[in-house]
């Protein structure tokens, strides 16, 4: 779609260099996938196949494999995020990981009928500059602290069940905040898994 827009709209901007990937070959092949045609596309698909990036199976088996890979990455200290095609699958994986990675105990209510405990990974789902943020240890004096954004992921440091509030630390910069009231109930979900669209803000 974007390749077609670049062709049809004279004022459009074309992405010419990829910064998110470390491997130069993968950068080139991701652009070939975007172009989506001819020998370049076939070469890109073959590269992904040769580098063990393409897997197939039924939905349940694929979810089980993804869950196992997530836990393996986490055990090595890596930050991982499961990307799903539907919210139903993301919800199922989130609940499973919530149960696996946190100890039974007090919880507060968040969006999508999810419960959150201390130690959970959560995701904020709407930009909100009104929520107060405190600098983390990685901020230097005078550095601005970015606001709460859609797709930010946080680790829950503590919960208050009487007021349904959570204290959380952002994974990227260790900034700290408290989520409460309507924002918590409407815009906080467990953050182990998300749909492709919901994960757009996560880096």
N, C-alpha and C. Protein backbone atom coordinates (compact mmCIF):
# COMPACT_ATOMS: atom_id res chain seq x y z
N UNK A 1 0.83 -1.20 0.00
CA UNK A 1 0.00 0.00 0.00
C UNK A 1 0.87 1.26 0.00
N UNK A 2 1.89 1.29 0.88
CA UNK A 2 2.72 2.50 0.97
C UNK A 2 3.55 2.69 -0.30
N UNK A 3 3.98 1.57 -0.88
CA UNK A 3 4.73 1.67 -2.12
C UNK A 3 3.86 2.28 -3.21
N UNK A 4 2.59 1.88 -3.25
CA UNK A 4 1.66 2.42 -4.25
C UNK A 4 1.43 3.91 -4.02
N UNK A 5 1.29 4.31 -2.75
CA UNK A 5 1.10 5.73 -2.44
C UNK A 5 2.31 6.56 -2.90
N UNK A 6 3.51 6.01 -2.70
CA UNK A 6 4.71 6.73 -3.14
C UNK A 6 4.71 6.93 -4.65
N UNK A 7 4.13 5.96 -5.36
CA UNK A 7 4.07 6.07 -6.83
C UNK A 7 3.00 7.06 -7.26
N UNK A 8 1.86 7.03 -6.58
CA UNK A 8 0.69 7.81 -7.02
C UNK A 8 0.69 9.25 -6.53
N UNK A 9 1.31 9.53 -5.38
CA UNK A 9 1.24 10.86 -4.80
C UNK A 9 2.59 11.58 -4.94
N UNK A 10 2.64 12.61 -5.73
CA UNK A 10 3.93 13.25 -6.00
C UNK A 10 4.58 13.90 -4.77
N UNK A 11 3.80 14.23 -3.75
CA UNK A 11 4.36 14.90 -2.57
C UNK A 11 4.78 13.91 -1.47
N UNK A 12 4.61 12.63 -1.69
CA UNK A 12 4.90 11.65 -0.64
C UNK A 12 6.40 11.52 -0.41
N UNK A 13 6.75 11.09 0.79
CA UNK A 13 8.14 10.85 1.17
C UNK A 13 8.41 9.35 1.10
N UNK A 14 9.56 8.97 0.62
CA UNK A 14 9.90 7.55 0.52
C UNK A 14 11.00 7.21 1.54
N UNK A 15 10.76 6.15 2.31
CA UNK A 15 11.77 5.68 3.25
C UNK A 15 12.93 5.09 2.46
N UNK A 16 14.12 5.63 2.67
CA UNK A 16 15.27 5.16 1.91
C UNK A 16 16.30 4.43 2.73
N UNK A 17 16.25 4.58 4.05
CA UNK A 17 17.23 3.94 4.92
C UNK A 17 16.54 3.47 6.19
N UNK A 18 16.86 2.28 6.63
CA UNK A 18 16.24 1.68 7.81
C UNK A 18 17.22 1.80 8.98
N UNK A 19 16.71 2.26 10.14
CA UNK A 19 17.56 2.46 11.31
C UNK A 19 17.27 1.47 12.44
N UNK A 20 16.12 0.81 12.41
CA UNK A 20 15.72 -0.01 13.55
C UNK A 20 16.46 -1.34 13.60
N UNK A 21 17.02 -1.81 12.49
CA UNK A 21 17.64 -3.13 12.46
C UNK A 21 19.15 -3.01 12.40
N UNK A 22 19.86 -3.86 13.13
CA UNK A 22 21.32 -3.79 13.17
C UNK A 22 21.95 -4.45 11.94
N UNK A 23 21.34 -5.52 11.46
CA UNK A 23 21.91 -6.29 10.35
C UNK A 23 21.66 -5.57 9.02
N UNK A 24 22.72 -5.17 8.30
CA UNK A 24 22.52 -4.46 7.03
C UNK A 24 21.72 -5.27 6.01
N UNK A 25 21.92 -6.59 5.99
CA UNK A 25 21.16 -7.43 5.06
C UNK A 25 19.67 -7.39 5.39
N UNK A 26 19.36 -7.45 6.69
CA UNK A 26 17.95 -7.43 7.07
C UNK A 26 17.32 -6.09 6.72
N UNK A 27 18.07 -5.01 6.86
CA UNK A 27 17.56 -3.70 6.46
C UNK A 27 17.16 -3.71 4.99
N UNK A 28 18.05 -4.21 4.14
CA UNK A 28 17.78 -4.23 2.70
C UNK A 28 16.58 -5.11 2.38
N UNK A 29 16.51 -6.26 3.02
CA UNK A 29 15.40 -7.17 2.72
C UNK A 29 14.06 -6.64 3.24
N UNK A 30 14.09 -5.87 4.35
CA UNK A 30 12.84 -5.28 4.82
C UNK A 30 12.29 -4.27 3.81
N UNK A 31 13.19 -3.55 3.15
CA UNK A 31 12.75 -2.61 2.11
C UNK A 31 12.22 -3.37 0.90
N UNK A 32 12.84 -4.51 0.58
CA UNK A 32 12.34 -5.32 -0.54
C UNK A 32 10.95 -5.87 -0.23
N UNK A 33 10.70 -6.24 1.04
CA UNK A 33 9.36 -6.69 1.42
C UNK A 33 8.34 -5.57 1.23
N UNK A 34 8.75 -4.35 1.58
CA UNK A 34 7.85 -3.21 1.41
C UNK A 34 7.48 -3.02 -0.05
N UNK A 35 8.48 -3.18 -0.94
CA UNK A 35 8.21 -3.00 -2.37
C UNK A 35 7.25 -4.07 -2.87
N UNK A 36 7.38 -5.28 -2.34
CA UNK A 36 6.40 -6.33 -2.58
C UNK A 36 6.24 -6.81 -4.00
N UNK A 37 7.33 -6.92 -4.78
CA UNK A 37 7.15 -7.44 -6.13
C UNK A 37 8.45 -8.03 -6.66
N UNK A 38 8.29 -8.95 -7.61
CA UNK A 38 9.41 -9.45 -8.40
C UNK A 38 10.47 -10.22 -7.65
N UNK A 39 11.65 -10.24 -8.28
CA UNK A 39 12.77 -11.03 -7.77
C UNK A 39 13.24 -10.53 -6.41
N UNK A 40 13.14 -9.21 -6.17
CA UNK A 40 13.55 -8.68 -4.87
C UNK A 40 12.71 -9.26 -3.74
N UNK A 41 11.40 -9.35 -3.98
CA UNK A 41 10.51 -9.90 -2.95
C UNK A 41 10.83 -11.36 -2.71
N UNK A 42 11.02 -12.13 -3.78
CA UNK A 42 11.35 -13.55 -3.61
C UNK A 42 12.67 -13.72 -2.85
N UNK A 43 13.64 -12.87 -3.14
CA UNK A 43 14.93 -12.93 -2.45
C UNK A 43 14.77 -12.61 -0.97
N UNK A 44 13.93 -11.61 -0.67
CA UNK A 44 13.70 -11.23 0.72
C UNK A 44 13.04 -12.35 1.51
N UNK A 45 12.01 -12.95 0.92
CA UNK A 45 11.32 -14.05 1.59
C UNK A 45 12.29 -15.21 1.83
N UNK A 46 13.13 -15.50 0.85
CA UNK A 46 14.11 -16.57 1.00
C UNK A 46 15.09 -16.26 2.13
N UNK A 47 15.50 -14.98 2.24
CA UNK A 47 16.42 -14.58 3.32
C UNK A 47 15.77 -14.83 4.68
N UNK A 48 14.50 -14.44 4.83
CA UNK A 48 13.81 -14.67 6.10
C UNK A 48 13.67 -16.16 6.39
N UNK A 49 13.43 -16.94 5.35
CA UNK A 49 13.31 -18.39 5.54
C UNK A 49 14.67 -18.98 5.96
N UNK A 50 15.74 -18.56 5.28
CA UNK A 50 17.08 -19.09 5.57
C UNK A 50 17.56 -18.70 6.96
N UNK A 51 17.07 -17.60 7.50
CA UNK A 51 17.51 -17.12 8.81
C UNK A 51 16.51 -17.47 9.92
N UNK A 52 15.70 -18.49 9.66
CA UNK A 52 14.80 -19.04 10.68
C UNK A 52 13.81 -18.01 11.21
N UNK A 53 13.31 -17.14 10.31
CA UNK A 53 12.36 -16.11 10.72
C UNK A 53 10.91 -16.48 10.37
N UNK A 54 10.72 -17.50 9.56
CA UNK A 54 9.36 -17.89 9.15
C UNK A 54 9.01 -19.23 9.78
N UNK A 55 7.87 -19.26 10.45
CA UNK A 55 7.40 -20.48 11.10
C UNK A 55 5.92 -20.65 10.80
N UNK A 56 5.49 -21.88 10.68
CA UNK A 56 4.08 -22.13 10.41
C UNK A 56 3.54 -23.15 11.40
N UNK A 57 2.21 -23.19 11.51
CA UNK A 57 1.57 -24.15 12.39
C UNK A 57 0.17 -23.69 12.71
N UNK A 58 -0.60 -24.52 13.42
CA UNK A 58 -1.94 -24.08 13.80
C UNK A 58 -1.84 -23.06 14.92
N UNK A 59 -2.92 -22.36 15.17
CA UNK A 59 -2.91 -21.22 16.09
C UNK A 59 -2.45 -21.60 17.50
N UNK A 60 -2.90 -22.74 17.99
CA UNK A 60 -2.55 -23.16 19.35
C UNK A 60 -1.07 -23.51 19.44
N UNK A 61 -0.56 -24.24 18.45
CA UNK A 61 0.85 -24.62 18.47
C UNK A 61 1.75 -23.38 18.34
N UNK A 62 1.34 -22.44 17.48
CA UNK A 62 2.15 -21.23 17.30
C UNK A 62 2.16 -20.39 18.57
N UNK A 63 1.01 -20.31 19.25
CA UNK A 63 0.95 -19.56 20.51
C UNK A 63 1.84 -20.21 21.57
N UNK A 64 1.83 -21.54 21.64
CA UNK A 64 2.66 -22.26 22.60
C UNK A 64 4.14 -22.03 22.30
N UNK A 65 4.52 -22.05 21.01
CA UNK A 65 5.91 -21.80 20.63
C UNK A 65 6.33 -20.38 20.98
N UNK A 66 5.44 -19.43 20.72
CA UNK A 66 5.75 -18.02 21.02
C UNK A 66 5.91 -17.81 22.52
N UNK A 67 5.05 -18.45 23.31
CA UNK A 67 5.14 -18.35 24.77
C UNK A 67 6.46 -18.91 25.28
N UNK A 68 6.86 -20.06 24.73
CA UNK A 68 8.12 -20.68 25.13
C UNK A 68 9.31 -19.78 24.75
N UNK A 69 9.27 -19.19 23.55
CA UNK A 69 10.35 -18.30 23.11
C UNK A 69 10.42 -17.04 23.98
N UNK A 70 9.24 -16.52 24.36
CA UNK A 70 9.20 -15.33 25.23
C UNK A 70 9.88 -15.63 26.56
N UNK A 71 9.51 -16.74 27.18
CA UNK A 71 10.08 -17.10 28.48
C UNK A 71 11.58 -17.36 28.38
N UNK A 72 12.01 -17.93 27.25
CA UNK A 72 13.44 -18.17 27.03
C UNK A 72 14.19 -16.86 26.91
N UNK A 73 13.65 -15.91 26.15
CA UNK A 73 14.28 -14.59 26.02
C UNK A 73 14.35 -13.88 27.37
N UNK A 74 13.27 -13.94 28.09
CA UNK A 74 13.21 -13.26 29.39
C UNK A 74 14.23 -13.85 30.37
N UNK A 75 14.44 -15.16 30.29
CA UNK A 75 15.39 -15.82 31.18
C UNK A 75 16.82 -15.34 30.94
N UNK A 76 17.10 -14.87 29.71
CA UNK A 76 18.44 -14.36 29.39
C UNK A 76 18.56 -12.86 29.69
N UNK A 77 17.48 -12.25 30.16
CA UNK A 77 17.50 -10.83 30.47
C UNK A 77 17.06 -9.94 29.32
N UNK A 78 16.65 -10.54 28.21
CA UNK A 78 16.20 -9.75 27.05
C UNK A 78 14.79 -9.21 27.29
N UNK A 79 14.50 -8.06 26.70
CA UNK A 79 13.15 -7.51 26.73
C UNK A 79 12.43 -7.99 25.48
N UNK A 80 11.37 -8.75 25.65
CA UNK A 80 10.65 -9.32 24.51
C UNK A 80 9.20 -8.85 24.53
N UNK A 81 8.59 -8.83 23.36
CA UNK A 81 7.17 -8.47 23.23
C UNK A 81 6.55 -9.40 22.20
N UNK A 82 5.46 -10.05 22.57
CA UNK A 82 4.74 -10.93 21.65
C UNK A 82 3.78 -10.09 20.81
N UNK A 83 3.86 -10.24 19.49
CA UNK A 83 2.99 -9.50 18.57
C UNK A 83 1.96 -10.48 18.00
N UNK A 84 0.68 -10.16 18.16
CA UNK A 84 -0.41 -11.06 17.77
C UNK A 84 -1.28 -10.41 16.70
N UNK A 85 -2.03 -11.25 15.98
CA UNK A 85 -2.91 -10.69 14.94
C UNK A 85 -4.28 -10.31 15.49
N UNK A 86 -4.66 -10.82 16.66
CA UNK A 86 -5.96 -10.47 17.24
C UNK A 86 -5.80 -10.16 18.72
N UNK A 87 -6.76 -9.37 19.25
CA UNK A 87 -6.75 -9.08 20.69
C UNK A 87 -7.08 -10.33 21.49
N UNK A 88 -7.86 -11.24 20.93
CA UNK A 88 -8.20 -12.46 21.66
C UNK A 88 -6.94 -13.27 21.97
N UNK A 89 -6.05 -13.38 20.96
CA UNK A 89 -4.81 -14.12 21.18
C UNK A 89 -3.89 -13.36 22.16
N UNK A 90 -3.80 -12.04 22.00
CA UNK A 90 -2.97 -11.24 22.91
C UNK A 90 -3.47 -11.36 24.34
N UNK A 91 -4.79 -11.29 24.53
CA UNK A 91 -5.36 -11.42 25.88
C UNK A 91 -5.03 -12.77 26.49
N UNK A 92 -5.15 -13.84 25.69
CA UNK A 92 -4.88 -15.18 26.21
C UNK A 92 -3.41 -15.31 26.63
N UNK A 93 -2.49 -14.81 25.81
CA UNK A 93 -1.07 -14.89 26.15
C UNK A 93 -0.74 -14.00 27.35
N UNK A 94 -1.34 -12.81 27.40
CA UNK A 94 -1.12 -11.92 28.54
C UNK A 94 -1.54 -12.57 29.85
N UNK A 95 -2.72 -13.18 29.85
CA UNK A 95 -3.20 -13.81 31.08
C UNK A 95 -2.30 -14.98 31.49
N UNK A 96 -1.86 -15.75 30.49
CA UNK A 96 -0.99 -16.89 30.79
C UNK A 96 0.33 -16.42 31.40
N UNK A 97 0.92 -15.38 30.81
CA UNK A 97 2.20 -14.88 31.32
C UNK A 97 2.02 -14.18 32.67
N UNK A 98 0.92 -13.49 32.85
CA UNK A 98 0.60 -12.88 34.15
C UNK A 98 0.56 -13.95 35.23
N UNK A 99 -0.10 -15.05 34.95
CA UNK A 99 -0.20 -16.14 35.92
C UNK A 99 1.14 -16.82 36.16
N UNK A 100 1.96 -16.92 35.10
CA UNK A 100 3.25 -17.62 35.19
C UNK A 100 4.31 -16.80 35.91
N UNK A 101 4.32 -15.47 35.66
CA UNK A 101 5.44 -14.64 36.09
C UNK A 101 5.20 -13.83 37.36
N UNK A 102 3.98 -13.81 37.85
CA UNK A 102 3.73 -13.10 39.11
C UNK A 102 3.18 -14.07 40.14
N UNK A 103 3.40 -13.73 41.40
CA UNK A 103 2.92 -14.59 42.48
C UNK A 103 1.46 -14.26 42.80
N UNK A 104 0.66 -15.27 43.15
CA UNK A 104 -0.72 -14.99 43.54
C UNK A 104 -0.77 -13.98 44.68
N UNK A 105 -1.72 -13.08 44.60
CA UNK A 105 -1.83 -12.07 45.64
C UNK A 105 -2.71 -10.93 45.21
N UNK A 106 -2.64 -9.81 45.92
CA UNK A 106 -3.50 -8.67 45.61
C UNK A 106 -3.31 -8.19 44.17
N UNK A 107 -4.40 -7.70 43.57
CA UNK A 107 -4.37 -7.21 42.19
C UNK A 107 -5.33 -6.04 42.06
N UNK A 108 -5.09 -5.22 41.03
CA UNK A 108 -6.00 -4.12 40.71
C UNK A 108 -6.57 -4.36 39.32
N UNK A 109 -7.69 -3.69 39.03
CA UNK A 109 -8.37 -3.89 37.76
C UNK A 109 -7.88 -2.89 36.72
N UNK A 110 -7.57 -3.41 35.53
CA UNK A 110 -7.13 -2.58 34.41
C UNK A 110 -8.10 -2.76 33.24
N UNK A 111 -7.68 -2.33 32.07
CA UNK A 111 -8.52 -2.42 30.88
C UNK A 111 -8.67 -3.88 30.43
N UNK A 112 -9.64 -4.13 29.56
CA UNK A 112 -9.90 -5.44 28.96
C UNK A 112 -10.15 -6.52 30.02
N UNK A 113 -10.75 -6.12 31.16
CA UNK A 113 -11.06 -7.06 32.23
C UNK A 113 -9.82 -7.79 32.74
N UNK A 114 -8.68 -7.14 32.68
CA UNK A 114 -7.44 -7.75 33.13
C UNK A 114 -7.13 -7.32 34.56
N UNK A 115 -6.44 -8.19 35.27
CA UNK A 115 -5.97 -7.87 36.61
C UNK A 115 -4.46 -7.73 36.57
N UNK A 116 -3.94 -6.78 37.34
CA UNK A 116 -2.52 -6.46 37.35
C UNK A 116 -1.99 -6.60 38.76
N UNK A 117 -0.83 -7.27 38.88
CA UNK A 117 -0.17 -7.44 40.17
C UNK A 117 1.22 -6.81 40.12
N UNK A 118 1.81 -6.61 41.27
CA UNK A 118 3.19 -6.12 41.35
C UNK A 118 4.09 -7.08 40.58
N UNK A 119 4.98 -6.53 39.77
CA UNK A 119 5.89 -7.34 38.96
C UNK A 119 5.43 -7.52 37.53
N UNK A 120 4.15 -7.26 37.25
CA UNK A 120 3.64 -7.39 35.89
C UNK A 120 4.27 -6.37 34.95
N UNK A 121 4.33 -6.71 33.65
CA UNK A 121 4.65 -5.75 32.60
C UNK A 121 3.32 -5.26 32.04
N UNK A 122 3.18 -3.94 31.94
CA UNK A 122 1.95 -3.34 31.43
C UNK A 122 2.27 -2.41 30.26
N UNK A 123 1.22 -2.04 29.52
CA UNK A 123 1.38 -1.12 28.39
C UNK A 123 0.38 0.01 28.53
N UNK A 124 0.85 1.25 28.34
CA UNK A 124 -0.07 2.40 28.30
C UNK A 124 -0.59 2.53 26.87
N UNK A 125 -1.88 2.82 26.74
CA UNK A 125 -2.52 2.76 25.43
C UNK A 125 -2.99 4.11 24.91
N UNK A 126 -2.64 5.22 25.59
CA UNK A 126 -3.03 6.55 25.11
C UNK A 126 -2.03 7.57 25.59
N UNK A 127 -1.66 8.50 24.71
CA UNK A 127 -0.80 9.61 25.12
C UNK A 127 -1.53 10.44 26.17
N UNK A 128 -0.79 10.86 27.21
CA UNK A 128 -1.40 11.70 28.23
C UNK A 128 -0.32 12.53 28.91
N UNK A 129 -0.27 13.80 28.56
CA UNK A 129 0.74 14.69 29.13
C UNK A 129 0.37 15.17 30.53
N UNK A 130 -0.85 14.89 30.99
CA UNK A 130 -1.27 15.37 32.30
C UNK A 130 -0.82 14.46 33.44
N UNK A 131 -0.37 13.25 33.13
CA UNK A 131 0.08 12.32 34.17
C UNK A 131 1.50 12.70 34.59
N UNK A 132 1.68 12.93 35.88
CA UNK A 132 2.99 13.35 36.40
C UNK A 132 4.00 12.21 36.29
N UNK A 133 5.20 12.55 35.81
CA UNK A 133 6.28 11.58 35.69
C UNK A 133 7.49 12.07 36.49
N UNK A 134 8.19 11.13 37.11
CA UNK A 134 9.39 11.46 37.87
C UNK A 134 10.59 10.83 37.18
N UNK A 135 11.71 11.56 37.10
CA UNK A 135 12.88 11.02 36.39
C UNK A 135 13.39 9.75 37.05
N UNK A 136 13.90 8.86 36.22
CA UNK A 136 14.53 7.65 36.72
C UNK A 136 16.02 7.85 36.88
N UNK A 137 16.73 6.82 37.32
CA UNK A 137 18.16 6.94 37.56
C UNK A 137 18.97 7.20 36.28
N UNK A 138 18.38 6.90 35.11
CA UNK A 138 19.10 7.12 33.86
C UNK A 138 19.00 8.55 33.36
N UNK A 139 18.15 9.38 33.98
CA UNK A 139 18.03 10.78 33.58
C UNK A 139 19.12 11.60 34.26
N UNK A 140 19.71 12.49 33.48
CA UNK A 140 20.67 13.42 34.05
C UNK A 140 19.94 14.68 34.47
N UNK A 141 20.51 15.43 35.38
CA UNK A 141 19.88 16.65 35.86
C UNK A 141 19.52 17.58 34.71
N UNK A 142 18.29 18.04 34.67
CA UNK A 142 17.85 18.96 33.62
C UNK A 142 17.27 18.28 32.40
N UNK A 143 17.46 16.94 32.27
CA UNK A 143 16.88 16.23 31.12
C UNK A 143 15.36 16.23 31.22
N UNK A 144 14.70 16.47 30.10
CA UNK A 144 13.24 16.40 30.07
C UNK A 144 12.81 14.94 30.13
N UNK A 145 11.73 14.68 30.83
CA UNK A 145 11.17 13.33 30.92
C UNK A 145 9.98 13.27 29.96
N UNK A 146 10.04 12.35 29.01
CA UNK A 146 8.97 12.24 28.03
C UNK A 146 7.67 11.85 28.71
N UNK A 147 6.57 12.31 28.16
CA UNK A 147 5.24 12.05 28.73
C UNK A 147 4.84 10.58 28.57
N UNK A 148 3.76 10.21 29.21
CA UNK A 148 3.17 8.89 29.02
C UNK A 148 2.67 8.81 27.58
N UNK A 149 3.09 7.76 26.88
CA UNK A 149 2.71 7.63 25.47
C UNK A 149 2.08 6.28 25.18
N UNK A 150 1.27 6.27 24.13
CA UNK A 150 0.68 5.03 23.63
C UNK A 150 1.80 4.08 23.24
N UNK A 151 1.76 2.87 23.76
CA UNK A 151 2.76 1.87 23.43
C UNK A 151 3.93 1.80 24.40
N UNK A 152 4.02 2.74 25.36
CA UNK A 152 5.06 2.63 26.40
C UNK A 152 4.80 1.37 27.22
N UNK A 153 5.88 0.70 27.61
CA UNK A 153 5.75 -0.48 28.46
C UNK A 153 6.40 -0.18 29.81
N UNK A 154 5.78 -0.71 30.87
CA UNK A 154 6.15 -0.38 32.24
C UNK A 154 6.21 -1.65 33.09
N UNK A 155 7.02 -1.61 34.14
CA UNK A 155 7.01 -2.69 35.13
C UNK A 155 6.30 -2.16 36.38
N UNK A 156 5.33 -2.92 36.88
CA UNK A 156 4.57 -2.50 38.05
C UNK A 156 5.42 -2.69 39.30
N UNK A 157 5.68 -1.59 40.00
CA UNK A 157 6.51 -1.62 41.21
C UNK A 157 5.68 -1.90 42.45
N UNK A 158 4.45 -1.37 42.49
CA UNK A 158 3.59 -1.56 43.67
C UNK A 158 2.15 -1.29 43.27
N UNK A 159 1.23 -1.82 44.04
CA UNK A 159 -0.19 -1.58 43.79
C UNK A 159 -0.87 -1.16 45.09
N UNK A 160 -1.98 -0.45 44.95
CA UNK A 160 -2.82 -0.06 46.09
C UNK A 160 -4.23 -0.52 45.77
N UNK A 161 -4.64 -1.61 46.38
CA UNK A 161 -5.94 -2.19 46.05
C UNK A 161 -7.10 -1.36 46.59
N UNK A 162 -6.87 -0.57 47.64
CA UNK A 162 -7.97 0.21 48.21
C UNK A 162 -8.37 1.37 47.29
N UNK A 163 -7.41 1.90 46.56
CA UNK A 163 -7.72 3.02 45.65
C UNK A 163 -7.60 2.62 44.18
N UNK A 164 -7.27 1.36 43.90
CA UNK A 164 -7.06 0.85 42.55
C UNK A 164 -6.05 1.72 41.80
N UNK A 165 -4.85 1.81 42.37
CA UNK A 165 -3.75 2.57 41.75
C UNK A 165 -2.52 1.67 41.64
N UNK A 166 -1.66 1.98 40.66
CA UNK A 166 -0.40 1.26 40.53
C UNK A 166 0.74 2.25 40.34
N UNK A 167 1.88 1.94 40.96
CA UNK A 167 3.12 2.67 40.72
C UNK A 167 3.92 1.85 39.72
N UNK A 168 4.44 2.52 38.69
CA UNK A 168 5.12 1.80 37.62
C UNK A 168 6.37 2.52 37.16
N UNK A 169 7.30 1.73 36.59
CA UNK A 169 8.56 2.26 36.06
C UNK A 169 8.65 1.90 34.58
N UNK A 170 8.88 2.92 33.73
CA UNK A 170 8.95 2.69 32.28
C UNK A 170 10.20 1.88 31.95
N UNK A 171 10.05 0.89 31.08
CA UNK A 171 11.16 0.00 30.77
C UNK A 171 12.30 0.72 30.06
N UNK A 172 11.99 1.70 29.23
CA UNK A 172 13.02 2.33 28.40
C UNK A 172 13.93 3.27 29.17
N UNK A 173 13.37 4.11 30.04
CA UNK A 173 14.19 5.14 30.69
C UNK A 173 14.06 5.15 32.22
N UNK A 174 13.30 4.19 32.76
CA UNK A 174 13.11 4.05 34.21
C UNK A 174 12.35 5.22 34.85
N UNK A 175 11.69 6.05 34.03
CA UNK A 175 10.83 7.09 34.60
C UNK A 175 9.70 6.43 35.38
N UNK A 176 9.24 7.11 36.44
CA UNK A 176 8.25 6.51 37.33
C UNK A 176 6.97 7.35 37.36
N UNK A 177 5.86 6.66 37.54
CA UNK A 177 4.57 7.34 37.61
C UNK A 177 3.57 6.49 38.37
N UNK A 178 2.39 7.07 38.58
CA UNK A 178 1.27 6.35 39.19
C UNK A 178 0.10 6.40 38.21
N UNK A 179 -0.47 5.24 37.92
CA UNK A 179 -1.67 5.16 37.08
C UNK A 179 -2.86 4.87 37.97
N UNK A 180 -3.94 5.61 37.75
CA UNK A 180 -5.12 5.46 38.60
C UNK A 180 -6.37 5.83 37.83
N UNK A 181 -7.51 5.66 38.49
CA UNK A 181 -8.81 6.15 38.00
C UNK A 181 -9.09 5.67 36.58
N UNK A 182 -9.68 6.57 35.76
CA UNK A 182 -10.13 6.17 34.42
C UNK A 182 -8.99 5.75 33.52
N UNK A 183 -7.80 6.39 33.66
CA UNK A 183 -6.70 6.01 32.77
C UNK A 183 -6.33 4.54 32.98
N UNK A 184 -6.26 4.11 34.22
CA UNK A 184 -5.92 2.72 34.52
C UNK A 184 -6.99 1.78 33.98
N UNK A 185 -8.25 2.10 34.19
CA UNK A 185 -9.34 1.20 33.79
C UNK A 185 -9.56 1.16 32.28
N UNK A 186 -9.17 2.24 31.58
CA UNK A 186 -9.47 2.32 30.15
C UNK A 186 -8.24 2.20 29.26
N UNK A 187 -7.04 2.49 29.79
CA UNK A 187 -5.88 2.62 28.90
C UNK A 187 -4.63 1.87 29.36
N UNK A 188 -4.76 1.01 30.35
CA UNK A 188 -3.64 0.17 30.77
C UNK A 188 -4.02 -1.29 30.54
N UNK A 189 -3.16 -2.00 29.82
CA UNK A 189 -3.33 -3.44 29.64
C UNK A 189 -2.06 -4.15 30.05
N UNK A 190 -2.14 -5.45 30.26
CA UNK A 190 -0.92 -6.22 30.43
C UNK A 190 -0.07 -6.05 29.18
N UNK A 191 1.25 -6.02 29.36
CA UNK A 191 2.13 -5.65 28.25
C UNK A 191 3.08 -6.74 27.79
N UNK A 192 2.74 -7.99 28.01
CA UNK A 192 3.57 -9.09 27.50
C UNK A 192 3.28 -9.34 26.02
N UNK A 193 2.03 -9.11 25.63
CA UNK A 193 1.61 -9.35 24.25
C UNK A 193 0.68 -8.24 23.81
N UNK A 194 0.69 -7.93 22.53
CA UNK A 194 -0.18 -6.89 21.98
C UNK A 194 -0.43 -7.17 20.52
N UNK A 195 -1.44 -6.52 19.96
CA UNK A 195 -1.65 -6.64 18.52
C UNK A 195 -0.61 -5.80 17.79
N UNK A 196 -0.50 -6.01 16.50
CA UNK A 196 0.45 -5.26 15.68
C UNK A 196 0.19 -3.77 15.82
N UNK A 197 -1.09 -3.36 15.76
CA UNK A 197 -1.41 -1.94 15.82
C UNK A 197 -1.10 -1.37 17.19
N UNK A 198 -1.44 -2.08 18.25
CA UNK A 198 -1.20 -1.57 19.60
C UNK A 198 0.29 -1.46 19.90
N UNK A 199 1.11 -2.28 19.24
CA UNK A 199 2.55 -2.29 19.51
C UNK A 199 3.31 -1.24 18.72
N UNK A 200 2.63 -0.45 17.91
CA UNK A 200 3.33 0.52 17.07
C UNK A 200 4.17 1.50 17.89
N UNK A 201 3.71 1.84 19.09
CA UNK A 201 4.45 2.81 19.89
C UNK A 201 5.57 2.20 20.72
N UNK A 202 5.66 0.88 20.74
CA UNK A 202 6.71 0.23 21.52
C UNK A 202 7.99 0.16 20.70
N UNK A 203 9.13 0.44 21.34
CA UNK A 203 10.40 0.37 20.62
C UNK A 203 11.32 -0.61 21.31
